[in-house]
Every structure is written in structure tokens, then in C-alpha cells.
Amino acid sequence: MKKLLSTKYSAGAFNAAMLLVRLVFGVLMMNHGYSKLVNFGTLQHKFMNWLGMGSTMTLALVVFAEFFCALFIIIGLFTRLAAIPLIVVMCVALFKAHNGEVFGDGETATLYLAAYLVLFFVGPGKISVDSMTGK
């Protein structure tokens, strides 16, 4: 019981937790990106036109973030850099698509946003390609 109430943690537990965060949120986001990637042709004319870039360009950037950046996060390569597009996409999803409803329709976007902010600030942990290459 004493260990459960302790605020101390080991480096191994921290690195395993960061691996778990990367895997769970990376795989779940990659699934969103994959569905947009395979349905790109049908979605490109229906997608949101963000900042006047056009719906096709906006969808392409979202697919890049949700699929390819999520893949980088899963393997732990350029983790902090890959988290930036995902943070932007989740902010747009939360504040534009879900009208900032943190506790309503935008709850999922809020959870993703929180996870990618954690990865941005903390990094990938030791169990990552970034750590193996000495970055």
C-alpha cells in the first residue's frame, strides 16, 4: 500500500509510461488518419477550408499530421517535432470543429491534445528511436 501512495517513480517506469502514451495515442490517431487517407477523394470536397487554404490542402495537412506524424510518434522518431502538427490539428478540431466544447463533443480532441502536449514537453522517453540515435 505504501508503494501505491508514493510519489516516487523509477526511470524505467517513466520510460515505460512514455512508451505506452506514444503507442496508444499514436495508433489511435493513425487510425483516424488512415481512414482519411483511403477516403481522400471523397473527403477532399467536403472537408473544412481552414485559413483559406482550400479543403484539399487542409485535408492533406490533416492526413500528414494524423497518419505520418502519428507513425513518427509511435516509433519515437522526431517525437517533439511530430507532436507539433498534431497539436495544431487537435486545437483546430477542438476550437473550430467542436466549438471549444471541452466537456462535450470535443472531449476526444481534448484528450488527444493533452497527450500530444505531454509528448511535446516531456519527449519520447528512452524506449524510442530518438533515444537510440542520441537526439
N, C-alpha and C. Protein backbone atom coordinates (compact mmCIF):
# COMPACT_ATOMS: atom_id res chain seq x y z
N MET A 1 0.83 -1.19 0.00
CA MET A 1 0.00 0.00 0.00
C MET A 1 0.87 1.26 0.00
N LYS A 2 2.00 1.18 0.70
CA LYS A 2 2.89 2.32 0.79
C LYS A 2 3.42 2.70 -0.60
N LYS A 3 3.72 1.69 -1.42
CA LYS A 3 4.24 1.95 -2.76
C LYS A 3 3.17 2.58 -3.66
N LEU A 4 1.92 2.18 -3.49
CA LEU A 4 0.84 2.75 -4.29
C LEU A 4 0.60 4.22 -3.99
N LEU A 5 0.86 4.63 -2.76
CA LEU A 5 0.65 6.02 -2.36
C LEU A 5 1.89 6.88 -2.51
N SER A 6 2.99 6.29 -2.93
CA SER A 6 4.24 7.01 -3.08
C SER A 6 4.22 7.92 -4.31
N THR A 7 4.93 9.03 -4.22
CA THR A 7 5.06 9.93 -5.37
C THR A 7 6.36 9.69 -6.12
N LYS A 8 7.15 8.74 -5.68
CA LYS A 8 8.42 8.43 -6.33
C LYS A 8 8.18 7.45 -7.48
N TYR A 9 9.02 7.57 -8.48
CA TYR A 9 8.96 6.63 -9.60
C TYR A 9 10.37 6.41 -10.13
N SER A 10 10.55 5.30 -10.78
CA SER A 10 11.86 4.98 -11.33
C SER A 10 11.95 5.47 -12.76
N ALA A 11 13.16 5.56 -13.25
CA ALA A 11 13.37 5.96 -14.65
C ALA A 11 12.75 4.94 -15.59
N GLY A 12 12.81 3.67 -15.22
CA GLY A 12 12.22 2.62 -16.04
C GLY A 12 10.71 2.75 -16.14
N ALA A 13 10.07 3.08 -15.02
CA ALA A 13 8.62 3.26 -15.02
C ALA A 13 8.23 4.47 -15.87
N PHE A 14 9.01 5.54 -15.77
CA PHE A 14 8.74 6.73 -16.58
C PHE A 14 8.87 6.41 -18.07
N ASN A 15 9.94 5.72 -18.44
CA ASN A 15 10.16 5.40 -19.85
C ASN A 15 9.10 4.44 -20.39
N ALA A 16 8.67 3.49 -19.57
CA ALA A 16 7.59 2.58 -19.98
C ALA A 16 6.28 3.35 -20.14
N ALA A 17 6.02 4.30 -19.26
CA ALA A 17 4.80 5.11 -19.36
C ALA A 17 4.82 5.96 -20.62
N MET A 18 5.95 6.54 -20.95
CA MET A 18 6.04 7.34 -22.17
C MET A 18 5.88 6.46 -23.42
N LEU A 19 6.40 5.27 -23.38
CA LEU A 19 6.20 4.32 -24.49
C LEU A 19 4.72 4.01 -24.63
N LEU A 20 4.05 3.76 -23.52
CA LEU A 20 2.62 3.46 -23.55
C LEU A 20 1.82 4.64 -24.11
N VAL A 21 2.14 5.85 -23.70
CA VAL A 21 1.45 7.04 -24.21
C VAL A 21 1.68 7.16 -25.71
N ARG A 22 2.92 6.98 -26.14
CA ARG A 22 3.23 7.08 -27.58
C ARG A 22 2.49 6.03 -28.38
N LEU A 23 2.49 4.79 -27.91
CA LEU A 23 1.84 3.71 -28.65
C LEU A 23 0.33 3.89 -28.72
N VAL A 24 -0.29 4.14 -27.58
CA VAL A 24 -1.76 4.25 -27.54
C VAL A 24 -2.24 5.43 -28.37
N PHE A 25 -1.71 6.62 -28.11
CA PHE A 25 -2.21 7.80 -28.81
C PHE A 25 -1.72 7.85 -30.25
N GLY A 26 -0.58 7.23 -30.53
CA GLY A 26 -0.12 7.16 -31.91
C GLY A 26 -0.96 6.23 -32.76
N VAL A 27 -1.23 5.04 -32.25
CA VAL A 27 -2.02 4.06 -33.01
C VAL A 27 -3.46 4.55 -33.18
N LEU A 28 -4.05 5.10 -32.13
CA LEU A 28 -5.42 5.60 -32.25
C LEU A 28 -5.51 6.74 -33.26
N MET A 29 -4.54 7.65 -33.23
CA MET A 29 -4.57 8.76 -34.18
C MET A 29 -4.26 8.28 -35.59
N MET A 30 -3.38 7.33 -35.72
CA MET A 30 -3.06 6.81 -37.05
C MET A 30 -4.29 6.18 -37.69
N ASN A 31 -5.14 5.59 -36.90
CA ASN A 31 -6.39 5.03 -37.41
C ASN A 31 -7.28 6.13 -38.01
N HIS A 32 -7.35 7.28 -37.33
CA HIS A 32 -8.12 8.42 -37.86
C HIS A 32 -7.51 8.89 -39.18
N GLY A 33 -6.20 8.99 -39.21
CA GLY A 33 -5.52 9.44 -40.42
C GLY A 33 -5.65 8.46 -41.57
N TYR A 34 -5.62 7.17 -41.26
CA TYR A 34 -5.74 6.16 -42.31
C TYR A 34 -7.11 6.22 -42.98
N SER A 35 -8.15 6.41 -42.18
CA SER A 35 -9.48 6.50 -42.77
C SER A 35 -9.61 7.72 -43.67
N LYS A 36 -8.96 8.82 -43.31
CA LYS A 36 -8.97 9.99 -44.18
C LYS A 36 -8.11 9.78 -45.41
N LEU A 37 -7.01 9.04 -45.26
CA LEU A 37 -6.11 8.78 -46.38
C LEU A 37 -6.78 7.92 -47.45
N VAL A 38 -7.45 6.84 -47.05
CA VAL A 38 -8.07 5.95 -48.04
C VAL A 38 -9.34 6.56 -48.63
N ASN A 39 -9.96 7.51 -47.96
CA ASN A 39 -11.15 8.18 -48.47
C ASN A 39 -10.86 9.61 -48.92
N PHE A 40 -9.61 9.86 -49.28
CA PHE A 40 -9.19 11.22 -49.63
C PHE A 40 -10.03 11.81 -50.77
N GLY A 41 -10.27 11.02 -51.79
CA GLY A 41 -11.02 11.50 -52.95
C GLY A 41 -12.43 11.94 -52.62
N THR A 42 -13.09 11.23 -51.75
CA THR A 42 -14.47 11.60 -51.41
C THR A 42 -14.53 12.70 -50.35
N LEU A 43 -13.49 12.81 -49.52
CA LEU A 43 -13.50 13.81 -48.45
C LEU A 43 -12.98 15.17 -48.88
N GLN A 44 -12.18 15.21 -49.95
CA GLN A 44 -11.48 16.46 -50.27
C GLN A 44 -12.42 17.63 -50.58
N HIS A 45 -13.60 17.37 -51.06
CA HIS A 45 -14.52 18.46 -51.37
C HIS A 45 -15.46 18.78 -50.21
N LYS A 46 -15.54 17.89 -49.23
CA LYS A 46 -16.42 18.09 -48.08
C LYS A 46 -15.67 18.63 -46.86
N PHE A 47 -14.34 18.59 -46.90
CA PHE A 47 -13.54 18.91 -45.71
C PHE A 47 -13.53 20.42 -45.45
N MET A 48 -13.24 20.77 -44.22
CA MET A 48 -13.21 22.16 -43.79
C MET A 48 -12.11 22.94 -44.54
N ASN A 49 -12.41 24.17 -44.92
CA ASN A 49 -11.44 25.06 -45.55
C ASN A 49 -10.87 25.94 -44.45
N TRP A 50 -9.70 25.56 -43.93
CA TRP A 50 -9.12 26.27 -42.80
C TRP A 50 -8.13 27.32 -43.27
N LEU A 51 -8.28 28.51 -42.82
CA LEU A 51 -7.42 29.66 -43.14
C LEU A 51 -7.36 29.96 -44.64
N GLY A 52 -8.38 29.58 -45.37
CA GLY A 52 -8.45 29.87 -46.79
C GLY A 52 -7.49 29.05 -47.65
N MET A 53 -6.98 27.96 -47.11
CA MET A 53 -6.03 27.12 -47.86
C MET A 53 -6.73 26.22 -48.86
N GLY A 54 -8.00 26.07 -48.74
CA GLY A 54 -8.74 25.14 -49.59
C GLY A 54 -8.95 23.83 -48.85
N SER A 55 -10.03 23.18 -49.15
CA SER A 55 -10.37 21.96 -48.42
C SER A 55 -9.40 20.82 -48.76
N THR A 56 -8.90 20.76 -49.99
CA THR A 56 -7.97 19.69 -50.37
C THR A 56 -6.65 19.84 -49.63
N MET A 57 -6.12 21.05 -49.57
CA MET A 57 -4.85 21.28 -48.86
C MET A 57 -5.01 21.05 -47.37
N THR A 58 -6.12 21.50 -46.81
CA THR A 58 -6.37 21.27 -45.39
C THR A 58 -6.44 19.78 -45.08
N LEU A 59 -7.14 19.02 -45.92
CA LEU A 59 -7.23 17.58 -45.72
C LEU A 59 -5.86 16.93 -45.85
N ALA A 60 -5.06 17.37 -46.82
CA ALA A 60 -3.72 16.80 -46.99
C ALA A 60 -2.86 17.05 -45.75
N LEU A 61 -2.95 18.24 -45.18
CA LEU A 61 -2.18 18.53 -43.97
C LEU A 61 -2.67 17.72 -42.78
N VAL A 62 -3.97 17.51 -42.69
CA VAL A 62 -4.53 16.71 -41.61
C VAL A 62 -4.09 15.24 -41.75
N VAL A 63 -4.10 14.74 -42.97
CA VAL A 63 -3.65 13.36 -43.22
C VAL A 63 -2.17 13.23 -42.86
N PHE A 64 -1.37 14.22 -43.25
CA PHE A 64 0.05 14.20 -42.89
C PHE A 64 0.22 14.13 -41.38
N ALA A 65 -0.52 14.97 -40.67
CA ALA A 65 -0.39 15.00 -39.21
C ALA A 65 -0.91 13.72 -38.58
N GLU A 66 -2.15 13.34 -38.94
CA GLU A 66 -2.80 12.22 -38.26
C GLU A 66 -2.21 10.87 -38.64
N PHE A 67 -1.67 10.73 -39.82
CA PHE A 67 -1.12 9.43 -40.21
C PHE A 67 0.39 9.39 -40.06
N PHE A 68 1.08 10.29 -40.75
CA PHE A 68 2.53 10.21 -40.78
C PHE A 68 3.19 10.70 -39.49
N CYS A 69 2.71 11.80 -38.93
CA CYS A 69 3.27 12.26 -37.66
C CYS A 69 2.94 11.29 -36.53
N ALA A 70 1.76 10.67 -36.59
CA ALA A 70 1.42 9.65 -35.59
C ALA A 70 2.35 8.45 -35.72
N LEU A 71 2.73 8.09 -36.94
CA LEU A 71 3.70 7.00 -37.15
C LEU A 71 5.05 7.36 -36.54
N PHE A 72 5.49 8.59 -36.73
CA PHE A 72 6.74 9.04 -36.11
C PHE A 72 6.66 8.98 -34.59
N ILE A 73 5.52 9.33 -34.04
CA ILE A 73 5.36 9.28 -32.58
C ILE A 73 5.38 7.84 -32.08
N ILE A 74 4.77 6.92 -32.82
CA ILE A 74 4.76 5.51 -32.41
C ILE A 74 6.18 4.98 -32.29
N ILE A 75 7.01 5.25 -33.30
CA ILE A 75 8.38 4.72 -33.27
C ILE A 75 9.33 5.61 -32.47
N GLY A 76 8.86 6.79 -32.10
CA GLY A 76 9.69 7.67 -31.29
C GLY A 76 10.77 8.37 -32.10
N LEU A 77 10.46 8.74 -33.32
CA LEU A 77 11.42 9.44 -34.19
C LEU A 77 10.94 10.87 -34.39
N PHE A 78 11.80 11.84 -34.10
CA PHE A 78 11.45 13.26 -34.17
C PHE A 78 10.16 13.53 -33.39
N THR A 79 10.07 12.97 -32.20
CA THR A 79 8.83 12.97 -31.44
C THR A 79 8.29 14.37 -31.16
N ARG A 80 9.13 15.24 -30.64
CA ARG A 80 8.66 16.59 -30.33
C ARG A 80 8.26 17.35 -31.58
N LEU A 81 9.02 17.19 -32.64
CA LEU A 81 8.69 17.84 -33.91
C LEU A 81 7.39 17.28 -34.49
N ALA A 82 7.21 15.97 -34.40
CA ALA A 82 6.00 15.33 -34.92
C ALA A 82 4.77 15.68 -34.09
N ALA A 83 4.97 16.04 -32.84
CA ALA A 83 3.83 16.40 -31.99
C ALA A 83 3.24 17.76 -32.37
N ILE A 84 4.04 18.64 -32.95
CA ILE A 84 3.56 20.00 -33.27
C ILE A 84 2.39 19.98 -34.25
N PRO A 85 2.47 19.30 -35.41
CA PRO A 85 1.30 19.28 -36.30
C PRO A 85 0.07 18.65 -35.66
N LEU A 86 0.29 17.64 -34.81
CA LEU A 86 -0.84 17.00 -34.14
C LEU A 86 -1.47 17.94 -33.12
N ILE A 87 -0.67 18.75 -32.46
CA ILE A 87 -1.19 19.74 -31.52
C ILE A 87 -2.03 20.76 -32.27
N VAL A 88 -1.54 21.21 -33.42
CA VAL A 88 -2.29 22.18 -34.23
C VAL A 88 -3.61 21.58 -34.70
N VAL A 89 -3.56 20.35 -35.21
CA VAL A 89 -4.78 19.69 -35.71
C VAL A 89 -5.79 19.50 -34.59
N MET A 90 -5.33 19.12 -33.41
CA MET A 90 -6.26 18.92 -32.30
C MET A 90 -6.82 20.25 -31.79
N CYS A 91 -6.04 21.32 -31.85
CA CYS A 91 -6.57 22.64 -31.49
C CYS A 91 -7.64 23.08 -32.47
N VAL A 92 -7.39 22.86 -33.77
CA VAL A 92 -8.40 23.21 -34.77
C VAL A 92 -9.64 22.34 -34.58
N ALA A 93 -9.44 21.06 -34.35
CA ALA A 93 -10.59 20.17 -34.14
C ALA A 93 -11.40 20.60 -32.91
N LEU A 94 -10.71 20.93 -31.85
CA LEU A 94 -11.39 21.29 -30.61
C LEU A 94 -12.09 22.65 -30.72
N PHE A 95 -11.36 23.66 -31.19
CA PHE A 95 -11.90 25.02 -31.14
C PHE A 95 -12.70 25.41 -32.38
N LYS A 96 -12.43 24.81 -33.52
CA LYS A 96 -13.17 25.16 -34.74
C LYS A 96 -14.29 24.16 -35.00
N ALA A 97 -13.95 22.87 -35.05
CA ALA A 97 -14.95 21.86 -35.39
C ALA A 97 -15.92 21.58 -34.24
N HIS A 98 -15.41 21.64 -33.00
CA HIS A 98 -16.26 21.31 -31.84
C HIS A 98 -16.58 22.53 -30.99
N ASN A 99 -16.31 23.72 -31.51
CA ASN A 99 -16.66 24.98 -30.85
C ASN A 99 -16.14 25.09 -29.42
N GLY A 100 -15.00 24.51 -29.13
CA GLY A 100 -14.38 24.62 -27.82
C GLY A 100 -15.10 23.87 -26.72
N GLU A 101 -15.95 22.93 -27.07
CA GLU A 101 -16.69 22.16 -26.07
C GLU A 101 -15.78 21.08 -25.47
N VAL A 102 -14.99 21.48 -24.49
CA VAL A 102 -14.03 20.59 -23.86
C VAL A 102 -14.71 19.39 -23.21
N PHE A 103 -15.87 19.60 -22.63
CA PHE A 103 -16.58 18.53 -21.94
C PHE A 103 -17.73 17.96 -22.76
N GLY A 104 -17.87 18.38 -23.99
CA GLY A 104 -18.95 17.88 -24.84
C GLY A 104 -18.39 17.09 -26.01
N ASP A 105 -18.74 17.52 -27.22
CA ASP A 105 -18.30 16.82 -28.42
C ASP A 105 -16.78 16.85 -28.60
N GLY A 106 -16.13 17.84 -28.03
CA GLY A 106 -14.69 17.98 -28.20
C GLY A 106 -13.85 17.25 -27.17
N GLU A 107 -14.47 16.40 -26.39
CA GLU A 107 -13.75 15.71 -25.32
C GLU A 107 -12.61 14.84 -25.84
N THR A 108 -12.84 14.13 -26.94
CA THR A 108 -11.80 13.28 -27.51
C THR A 108 -10.64 14.13 -28.02
N ALA A 109 -10.95 15.22 -28.69
CA ALA A 109 -9.89 16.11 -29.17
C ALA A 109 -9.09 16.68 -28.00
N THR A 110 -9.76 16.95 -26.90
CA THR A 110 -9.08 17.46 -25.71
C THR A 110 -8.10 16.43 -25.16
N LEU A 111 -8.52 15.18 -25.11
CA LEU A 111 -7.63 14.12 -24.62
C LEU A 111 -6.41 13.95 -25.52
N TYR A 112 -6.63 13.94 -26.82
CA TYR A 112 -5.51 13.85 -27.76
C TYR A 112 -4.58 15.06 -27.59
N LEU A 113 -5.15 16.24 -27.50
CA LEU A 113 -4.36 17.45 -27.34
C LEU A 113 -3.50 17.38 -26.09
N ALA A 114 -4.07 16.93 -24.99
CA ALA A 114 -3.32 16.81 -23.74
C ALA A 114 -2.16 15.81 -23.89
N ALA A 115 -2.42 14.69 -24.55
CA ALA A 115 -1.37 13.68 -24.72
C ALA A 115 -0.24 14.20 -25.59
N TYR A 116 -0.56 14.91 -26.67
CA TYR A 116 0.48 15.43 -27.55
C TYR A 116 1.24 16.58 -26.91
N LEU A 117 0.59 17.34 -26.04
CA LEU A 117 1.31 18.37 -25.29
C LEU A 117 2.29 17.74 -24.32
N VAL A 118 1.88 16.65 -23.68
CA VAL A 118 2.79 15.93 -22.78
C VAL A 118 4.00 15.42 -23.56
N LEU A 119 3.77 14.82 -24.71
CA LEU A 119 4.88 14.33 -25.53
C LEU A 119 5.79 15.46 -25.99
N PHE A 120 5.20 16.61 -26.30
CA PHE A 120 6.00 17.75 -26.73
C PHE A 120 6.90 18.25 -25.60
N PHE A 121 6.35 18.36 -24.40
CA PHE A 121 7.12 18.90 -23.28
C PHE A 121 8.09 17.89 -22.67
N VAL A 122 7.68 16.64 -22.59
CA VAL A 122 8.48 15.63 -21.90
C VAL A 122 9.41 14.89 -22.84
N GLY A 123 8.99 14.65 -24.06
CA GLY A 123 9.80 13.90 -25.01
C GLY A 123 9.38 12.44 -25.05
N PRO A 124 10.07 11.63 -25.84
CA PRO A 124 9.63 10.27 -26.09
C PRO A 124 10.02 9.24 -25.04
N GLY A 125 10.95 9.56 -24.17
CA GLY A 125 11.46 8.57 -23.23
C GLY A 125 12.62 7.80 -23.86
N LYS A 126 13.21 6.93 -23.08
CA LYS A 126 14.40 6.18 -23.53
C LYS A 126 14.08 5.07 -24.52
N ILE A 127 12.84 4.58 -24.52
CA ILE A 127 12.47 3.47 -25.41
C ILE A 127 11.95 4.09 -26.70
N SER A 128 12.87 4.66 -27.51
CA SER A 128 12.49 5.34 -28.74
C SER A 128 13.69 5.39 -29.69
N VAL A 129 13.39 5.64 -30.93
CA VAL A 129 14.46 5.80 -31.91
C VAL A 129 15.27 7.07 -31.60
N ASP A 130 14.58 8.12 -31.16
CA ASP A 130 15.30 9.35 -30.77
C ASP A 130 16.37 9.07 -29.73
N SER A 131 16.04 8.26 -28.75
CA SER A 131 17.00 7.94 -27.69
C SER A 131 18.15 7.08 -28.22
N MET A 132 17.83 6.15 -29.12
CA MET A 132 18.86 5.27 -29.67
C MET A 132 19.85 6.01 -30.57
N THR A 133 19.37 7.07 -31.22
CA THR A 133 20.26 7.83 -32.10
C THR A 133 20.95 8.97 -31.37
N GLY A 134 20.64 9.15 -30.09
CA GLY A 134 21.30 10.14 -29.28
C GLY A 134 20.78 11.56 -29.43
N LYS A 135 19.54 11.71 -29.89
CA LYS A 135 18.97 13.04 -30.07
C LYS A 135 18.42 13.56 -28.76
